[in-house]
PDB file of N, CA and C in Angstrom:
ATOM      1  N   MET A   1     -42.627 -28.590 -21.997  1.00  0.00           N
ATOM      2  CA  MET A   1     -43.941 -28.296 -21.486  1.00  0.00           C
ATOM      3  C   MET A   1     -44.764 -27.618 -22.578  1.00  0.00           C
ATOM      4  N   VAL A   2     -45.973 -28.072 -22.724  1.00  0.00           N
ATOM      5  CA  VAL A   2     -46.888 -27.487 -23.694  1.00  0.00           C
ATOM      6  C   VAL A   2     -47.607 -26.327 -23.029  1.00  0.00           C
ATOM      7  N   LYS A   3     -47.757 -25.225 -23.744  1.00  0.00           N
ATOM      8  CA  LYS A   3     -48.444 -24.057 -23.202  1.00  0.00           C
ATOM      9  C   LYS A   3     -49.843 -24.456 -22.741  1.00  0.00           C
ATOM     10  N   GLY A   4     -50.188 -24.069 -21.516  1.00  0.00           N
ATOM     11  CA  GLY A   4     -51.499 -24.385 -20.962  1.00  0.00           C
ATOM     12  C   GLY A   4     -51.515 -25.644 -20.123  1.00  0.00           C
ATOM     13  N   SER A   5     -50.412 -26.400 -20.114  1.00  0.00           N
ATOM     14  CA  SER A   5     -50.380 -27.631 -19.331  1.00  0.00           C
ATOM     15  C   SER A   5     -50.003 -27.300 -17.890  1.00  0.00           C
ATOM     16  N   PRO A   6     -50.387 -28.099 -16.960  1.00  0.00           N
ATOM     17  CA  PRO A   6     -51.104 -29.364 -17.096  1.00  0.00           C
ATOM     18  C   PRO A   6     -52.567 -29.128 -17.431  1.00  0.00           C
ATOM     19  N   PHE A   7     -53.154 -30.070 -18.104  1.00  0.00           N
ATOM     20  CA  PHE A   7     -54.540 -29.965 -18.535  1.00  0.00           C
ATOM     21  C   PHE A   7     -55.443 -30.724 -17.575  1.00  0.00           C
ATOM     22  N   PRO A   8     -56.621 -30.183 -17.282  1.00  0.00           N
ATOM     23  CA  PRO A   8     -57.531 -30.855 -16.350  1.00  0.00           C
ATOM     24  C   PRO A   8     -58.214 -32.098 -16.920  1.00  0.00           C
ATOM     25  N   SER A   9     -58.160 -32.270 -18.243  1.00  0.00           N
ATOM     26  CA  SER A   9     -58.809 -33.441 -18.843  1.00  0.00           C
ATOM     27  C   SER A   9     -58.069 -33.856 -20.108  1.00  0.00           C
ATOM     28  N   MET A  10     -58.280 -35.111 -20.513  1.00  0.00           N
ATOM     29  CA  MET A  10     -57.667 -35.592 -21.757  1.00  0.00           C
ATOM     30  C   MET A  10     -58.254 -34.876 -22.965  1.00  0.00           C
ATOM     31  N   THR A  11     -59.517 -34.489 -22.886  1.00  0.00           N
ATOM     32  CA  THR A  11     -60.143 -33.767 -23.995  1.00  0.00           C
ATOM     33  C   THR A  11     -59.464 -32.425 -24.212  1.00  0.00           C
ATOM     34  N   GLN A  12     -59.193 -31.704 -23.136  1.00  0.00           N
ATOM     35  CA  GLN A  12     -58.509 -30.414 -23.267  1.00  0.00           C
ATOM     36  C   GLN A  12     -57.074 -30.606 -23.748  1.00  0.00           C
ATOM     37  N   ALA A  13     -56.395 -31.633 -23.272  1.00  0.00           N
ATOM     38  CA  ALA A  13     -55.048 -31.931 -23.743  1.00  0.00           C
ATOM     39  C   ALA A  13     -55.072 -32.279 -25.227  1.00  0.00           C
ATOM     40  N   SER A  14     -56.042 -33.068 -25.632  1.00  0.00           N
ATOM     41  CA  SER A  14     -56.191 -33.468 -27.027  1.00  0.00           C
ATOM     42  C   SER A  14     -56.357 -32.248 -27.933  1.00  0.00           C
ATOM     43  N   ASN A  15     -57.198 -31.327 -27.521  1.00  0.00           N
ATOM     44  CA  ASN A  15     -57.425 -30.114 -28.317  1.00  0.00           C
ATOM     45  C   ASN A  15     -56.180 -29.240 -28.378  1.00  0.00           C
ATOM     46  N   ALA A  16     -55.472 -29.094 -27.269  1.00  0.00           N
ATOM     47  CA  ALA A  16     -54.297 -28.229 -27.224  1.00  0.00           C
ATOM     48  C   ALA A  16     -53.118 -28.805 -28.005  1.00  0.00           C
ATOM     49  N   ILE A  17     -52.913 -30.107 -27.908  1.00  0.00           N
ATOM     50  CA  ILE A  17     -51.763 -30.750 -28.549  1.00  0.00           C
ATOM     51  C   ILE A  17     -52.068 -31.102 -30.000  1.00  0.00           C
ATOM     52  N   GLY A  18     -53.330 -31.363 -30.296  1.00  0.00           N
ATOM     53  CA  GLY A  18     -53.711 -31.702 -31.664  1.00  0.00           C
ATOM     54  C   GLY A  18     -53.599 -33.177 -31.980  1.00  0.00           C
ATOM     55  N   ILE A  19     -53.778 -34.014 -30.961  1.00  0.00           N
ATOM     56  CA  ILE A  19     -53.792 -35.456 -31.167  1.00  0.00           C
ATOM     57  C   ILE A  19     -55.028 -36.034 -30.501  1.00  0.00           C
ATOM     58  N   SER A  20     -55.423 -37.219 -30.906  1.00  0.00           N
ATOM     59  CA  SER A  20     -56.669 -37.790 -30.394  1.00  0.00           C
ATOM     60  C   SER A  20     -56.518 -38.277 -28.953  1.00  0.00           C
ATOM     61  N   ARG A  21     -57.646 -38.423 -28.283  1.00  0.00           N
ATOM     62  CA  ARG A  21     -57.651 -38.933 -26.907  1.00  0.00           C
ATOM     63  C   ARG A  21     -57.120 -40.366 -26.860  1.00  0.00           C
ATOM     64  N   LYS A  22     -57.389 -41.136 -27.908  1.00  0.00           N
ATOM     65  CA  LYS A  22     -56.888 -42.517 -27.949  1.00  0.00           C
ATOM     66  C   LYS A  22     -55.362 -42.543 -27.974  1.00  0.00           C
ATOM     67  N   VAL A  23     -54.765 -41.639 -28.715  1.00  0.00           N
ATOM     68  CA  VAL A  23     -53.311 -41.560 -28.772  1.00  0.00           C
ATOM     69  C   VAL A  23     -52.760 -41.149 -27.408  1.00  0.00           C
ATOM     70  N   ILE A  24     -53.413 -40.190 -26.766  1.00  0.00           N
ATOM     71  CA  ILE A  24     -53.001 -39.771 -25.426  1.00  0.00           C
ATOM     72  C   ILE A  24     -53.072 -40.953 -24.471  1.00  0.00           C
ATOM     73  N   SER A  25     -54.165 -41.681 -24.489  1.00  0.00           N
ATOM     74  CA  SER A  25     -54.315 -42.838 -23.602  1.00  0.00           C
ATOM     75  C   SER A  25     -53.230 -43.880 -23.851  1.00  0.00           C
ATOM     76  N   TYR A  26     -52.880 -44.077 -25.102  1.00  0.00           N
ATOM     77  CA  TYR A  26     -51.882 -45.088 -25.462  1.00  0.00           C
ATOM     78  C   TYR A  26     -50.485 -44.728 -24.944  1.00  0.00           C
ATOM     79  N   PHE A  27     -50.099 -43.447 -25.053  1.00  0.00           N
ATOM     80  CA  PHE A  27     -48.751 -43.024 -24.705  1.00  0.00           C
ATOM     81  C   PHE A  27     -48.615 -42.480 -23.281  1.00  0.00           C
ATOM     82  N   LEU A  28     -49.705 -42.276 -22.583  1.00  0.00           N
ATOM     83  CA  LEU A  28     -49.675 -41.665 -21.261  1.00  0.00           C
ATOM     84  C   LEU A  28     -48.852 -42.489 -20.279  1.00  0.00           C
ATOM     85  N   ASP A  29     -47.879 -41.851 -19.666  1.00  0.00           N
ATOM     86  CA  ASP A  29     -47.021 -42.448 -18.632  1.00  0.00           C
ATOM     87  C   ASP A  29     -46.219 -43.662 -19.100  1.00  0.00           C
ATOM     88  N   THR A  30     -45.959 -43.788 -20.395  1.00  0.00           N
ATOM     89  CA  THR A  30     -45.182 -44.927 -20.894  1.00  0.00           C
ATOM     90  C   THR A  30     -43.698 -44.608 -21.046  1.00  0.00           C
ATOM     91  N   GLY A  31     -43.362 -43.321 -21.068  1.00  0.00           N
ATOM     92  CA  GLY A  31     -41.973 -42.936 -21.313  1.00  0.00           C
ATOM     93  C   GLY A  31     -41.612 -42.967 -22.783  1.00  0.00           C
ATOM     94  N   LYS A  32     -42.590 -43.217 -23.637  1.00  0.00           N
ATOM     95  CA  LYS A  32     -42.384 -43.225 -25.085  1.00  0.00           C
ATOM     96  C   LYS A  32     -42.918 -41.919 -25.667  1.00  0.00           C
ATOM     97  N   ALA A  33     -42.225 -41.400 -26.662  1.00  0.00           N
ATOM     98  CA  ALA A  33     -42.690 -40.192 -27.335  1.00  0.00           C
ATOM     99  C   ALA A  33     -43.796 -40.545 -28.312  1.00  0.00           C
ATOM    100  N   GLU A  34     -44.827 -39.717 -28.346  1.00  0.00           N
ATOM    101  CA  GLU A  34     -45.927 -39.888 -29.298  1.00  0.00           C
ATOM    102  C   GLU A  34     -45.333 -39.778 -30.693  1.00  0.00           C
ATOM    103  N   GLY A  35     -45.784 -40.615 -31.618  1.00  0.00           N
ATOM    104  CA  GLY A  35     -45.159 -40.843 -32.911  1.00  0.00           C
ATOM    105  C   GLY A  35     -44.911 -39.696 -33.853  1.00  0.00           C
ATOM    106  N   ILE A  36     -45.837 -38.794 -34.061  1.00  0.00           N
ATOM    107  CA  ILE A  36     -45.686 -37.761 -35.079  1.00  0.00           C
ATOM    108  C   ILE A  36     -45.000 -36.511 -34.533  1.00  0.00           C
ATOM    109  N   ARG A  37     -45.445 -36.037 -33.385  1.00  0.00           N
ATOM    110  CA  ARG A  37     -44.901 -34.806 -32.811  1.00  0.00           C
ATOM    111  C   ARG A  37     -43.770 -35.061 -31.813  1.00  0.00           C
ATOM    112  N   GLY A  38     -43.672 -36.264 -31.315  1.00  0.00           N
ATOM    113  CA  GLY A  38     -42.634 -36.586 -30.354  1.00  0.00           C
ATOM    114  C   GLY A  38     -42.901 -36.046 -28.962  1.00  0.00           C
ATOM    115  N   THR A  39     -44.177 -35.882 -28.618  1.00  0.00           N
ATOM    116  CA  THR A  39     -44.567 -35.352 -27.322  1.00  0.00           C
ATOM    117  C   THR A  39     -44.588 -36.464 -26.278  1.00  0.00           C
ATOM    118  N   TYR A  40     -43.945 -36.215 -25.144  1.00  0.00           N
ATOM    119  CA  TYR A  40     -44.012 -37.141 -24.013  1.00  0.00           C
ATOM    120  C   TYR A  40     -45.207 -36.741 -23.160  1.00  0.00           C
ATOM    121  N   LEU A  41     -46.012 -37.717 -22.750  1.00  0.00           N
ATOM    122  CA  LEU A  41     -47.256 -37.439 -22.034  1.00  0.00           C
ATOM    123  C   LEU A  41     -47.233 -38.076 -20.653  1.00  0.00           C
ATOM    124  N   TYR A  42     -47.405 -37.254 -19.630  1.00  0.00           N
ATOM    125  CA  TYR A  42     -47.381 -37.734 -18.249  1.00  0.00           C
ATOM    126  C   TYR A  42     -48.541 -37.141 -17.454  1.00  0.00           C
ATOM    127  N   THR A  43     -48.968 -37.877 -16.453  1.00  0.00           N
ATOM    128  CA  THR A  43     -50.047 -37.416 -15.577  1.00  0.00           C
ATOM    129  C   THR A  43     -49.507 -36.652 -14.368  1.00  0.00           C
ATOM    130  N   ARG A  44     -48.191 -36.509 -14.296  1.00  0.00           N
ATOM    131  CA  ARG A  44     -47.567 -35.826 -13.160  1.00  0.00           C
ATOM    132  C   ARG A  44     -46.404 -34.976 -13.654  1.00  0.00           C
ATOM    133  N   SER A  45     -45.969 -34.070 -12.803  1.00  0.00           N
ATOM    134  CA  SER A  45     -44.773 -33.292 -13.126  1.00  0.00           C
ATOM    135  C   SER A  45     -43.553 -34.180 -12.969  1.00  0.00           C
ATOM    136  N   LEU A  46     -42.595 -34.003 -13.849  1.00  0.00           N
ATOM    137  CA  LEU A  46     -41.381 -34.808 -13.800  1.00  0.00           C
ATOM    138  C   LEU A  46     -40.317 -34.116 -12.959  1.00  0.00           C
ATOM    139  N   GLN A  47     -39.499 -34.923 -12.326  1.00  0.00           N
ATOM    140  CA  GLN A  47     -38.371 -34.392 -11.573  1.00  0.00           C
ATOM    141  C   GLN A  47     -37.283 -33.985 -12.554  1.00  0.00           C
ATOM    142  N   ALA A  48     -36.391 -33.100 -12.113  1.00  0.00           N
ATOM    143  CA  ALA A  48     -35.317 -32.593 -12.978  1.00  0.00           C
ATOM    144  C   ALA A  48     -34.482 -33.725 -13.563  1.00  0.00           C
ATOM    145  N   LYS A  49     -34.230 -34.752 -12.792  1.00  0.00           N
ATOM    146  CA  LYS A  49     -33.452 -35.910 -13.249  1.00  0.00           C
ATOM    147  C   LYS A  49     -34.168 -36.616 -14.407  1.00  0.00           C
ATOM    148  N   GLU A  50     -35.486 -36.754 -14.303  1.00  0.00           N
ATOM    149  CA  GLU A  50     -36.274 -37.410 -15.360  1.00  0.00           C
ATOM    150  C   GLU A  50     -36.292 -36.562 -16.626  1.00  0.00           C
ATOM    151  N   VAL A  51     -36.427 -35.251 -16.476  1.00  0.00           N
ATOM    152  CA  VAL A  51     -36.429 -34.349 -17.631  1.00  0.00           C
ATOM    153  C   VAL A  51     -35.081 -34.411 -18.341  1.00  0.00           C
ATOM    154  N   LYS A  52     -33.998 -34.407 -17.586  1.00  0.00           N
ATOM    155  CA  LYS A  52     -32.660 -34.481 -18.166  1.00  0.00           C
ATOM    156  C   LYS A  52     -32.489 -35.765 -18.975  1.00  0.00           C
ATOM    157  N   ALA A  53     -32.964 -36.880 -18.426  1.00  0.00           N
ATOM    158  CA  ALA A  53     -32.869 -38.166 -19.133  1.00  0.00           C
ATOM    159  C   ALA A  53     -33.692 -38.151 -20.416  1.00  0.00           C
ATOM    160  N   LEU A  54     -34.882 -37.564 -20.378  1.00  0.00           N
ATOM    161  CA  LEU A  54     -35.717 -37.489 -21.585  1.00  0.00           C
ATOM    162  C   LEU A  54     -35.073 -36.608 -22.647  1.00  0.00           C
ATOM    163  N   LEU A  55     -34.494 -35.496 -22.229  1.00  0.00           N
ATOM    164  CA  LEU A  55     -33.835 -34.608 -23.187  1.00  0.00           C
ATOM    165  C   LEU A  55     -32.670 -35.317 -23.871  1.00  0.00           C
ATOM    166  N   LYS A  56     -31.910 -36.063 -23.114  1.00  0.00           N
ATOM    167  CA  LYS A  56     -30.789 -36.807 -23.676  1.00  0.00           C
ATOM    168  C   LYS A  56     -31.288 -37.876 -24.652  1.00  0.00           C
ATOM    169  N   PHE A  57     -32.300 -38.620 -24.244  1.00  0.00           N
ATOM    170  CA  PHE A  57     -32.857 -39.682 -25.072  1.00  0.00           C
ATOM    171  C   PHE A  57     -33.504 -39.121 -26.340  1.00  0.00           C
ATOM    172  N   SER A  58     -34.170 -37.968 -26.229  1.00  0.00           N
ATOM    173  CA  SER A  58     -34.918 -37.421 -27.364  1.00  0.00           C
ATOM    174  C   SER A  58     -34.013 -36.967 -28.504  1.00  0.00           C
ATOM    175  N   GLN A  59     -32.732 -36.768 -28.237  1.00  0.00           N
ATOM    176  CA  GLN A  59     -31.805 -36.396 -29.310  1.00  0.00           C
ATOM    177  C   GLN A  59     -31.662 -37.526 -30.330  1.00  0.00           C
ATOM    178  N   LEU A  60     -31.904 -38.757 -29.908  1.00  0.00           N
ATOM    179  CA  LEU A  60     -31.794 -39.918 -30.795  1.00  0.00           C
ATOM    180  C   LEU A  60     -33.131 -40.312 -31.419  1.00  0.00           C
ATOM    181  N   LEU A  61     -34.190 -39.607 -31.039  1.00  0.00           N
ATOM    182  CA  LEU A  61     -35.553 -39.960 -31.435  1.00  0.00           C
ATOM    183  C   LEU A  61     -35.789 -39.709 -32.922  1.00  0.00           C
ATOM    184  N   GLN A  62     -36.357 -40.700 -33.602  1.00  0.00           N
ATOM    185  CA  GLN A  62     -36.778 -40.549 -34.995  1.00  0.00           C
ATOM    186  C   GLN A  62     -38.295 -40.571 -35.019  1.00  0.00           C
ATOM    187  N   LEU A  63     -38.885 -39.481 -35.502  1.00  0.00           N
ATOM    188  CA  LEU A  63     -40.345 -39.368 -35.498  1.00  0.00           C
ATOM    189  C   LEU A  63     -40.964 -40.026 -36.718  1.00  0.00           C
ATOM    190  N   GLY A  64     -42.213 -40.417 -36.571  1.00  0.00           N
ATOM    191  CA  GLY A  64     -42.946 -41.038 -37.672  1.00  0.00           C
ATOM    192  C   GLY A  64     -42.745 -42.535 -37.695  1.00  0.00           C
ATOM    193  N   ASN A  65     -43.448 -43.171 -38.605  1.00  0.00           N
ATOM    194  CA  ASN A  65     -43.368 -44.628 -38.685  1.00  0.00           C
ATOM    195  C   ASN A  65     -42.818 -45.098 -40.032  1.00  0.00           C
ATOM    196  N   LYS A  66     -42.218 -44.199 -40.798  1.00  0.00           N
ATOM    197  CA  LYS A  66     -41.692 -44.583 -42.103  1.00  0.00           C
ATOM    198  C   LYS A  66     -40.241 -45.032 -41.959  1.00  0.00           C
ATOM    199  N   LYS A  67     -39.970 -46.215 -42.458  1.00  0.00           N
ATOM    200  CA  LYS A  67     -38.628 -46.762 -42.421  1.00  0.00           C
ATOM    201  C   LYS A  67     -38.273 -47.239 -43.816  1.00  0.00           C
ATOM    202  N   GLU A  68     -36.985 -47.104 -44.158  1.00  0.00           N
ATOM    203  CA  GLU A  68     -36.536 -47.576 -45.462  1.00  0.00           C
ATOM    204  C   GLU A  68     -36.604 -49.097 -45.501  1.00  0.00           C
ATOM    205  N   VAL A  69     -36.989 -49.604 -46.647  1.00  0.00           N
ATOM    206  CA  VAL A  69     -37.087 -51.064 -46.830  1.00  0.00           C
ATOM    207  C   VAL A  69     -36.014 -51.493 -47.795  1.00  0.00           C
TER     208      VAL A  69
END
């Protein structure tokens, strides 16, 4: 949970998290972590079961878009 959340608007969320509104719109409710910070974005509170699954999945998460070629 980000301090100050839930946010009443995407603009306030954007300012608090430090990512653009377009990025928020793209990742909102997708179950995918936002690329640089790895923040999961939802319009609702998650159940304990969902949080547990995200925590388990996030251990394997690689942030950023740089891959070795």
